[in-house]
């Protein structure tokens, strides 16, 4: 792979990260909107919250940009640490946001039910449906 091809793929990954973040934010907004409108059924997907990890491509782009301009820049000098810290932050956020939203929905009087149309691949994760009242 040439450097130009690698750069094109990197740009495509950075652009696709916008779509992942859009899905992440729109999922949060749709859940909070449904909660505010007291909809009888609120679907809840855990996997969407891991889309925030795509922002690591933006950090890589910043590091690449400043690294090409100045090898002594903060971004270039601490690139490894920044990437590890950002990745850990993304993982923490991907787990903390669903817990916060689940608690907010439960406190509003919704019952947590398994989605019958979805079989979870991992225990305690997967697709849930919150029903106003009881399941």
Foldseek 3Di string as FASTA:
>chain_A
DDPVVVVVVLVVLLVVLVVLVVLLVVLVVVLVVCLVVVPQKDKDALVSLLSNLSCLSVLVVVLVVVCVVDCPDPSNVCVVVVSVVVNVVSVVRSPVVVVVSVVVSVVSQWDKACDPVWDDPDPPHGMIMTGRHYD
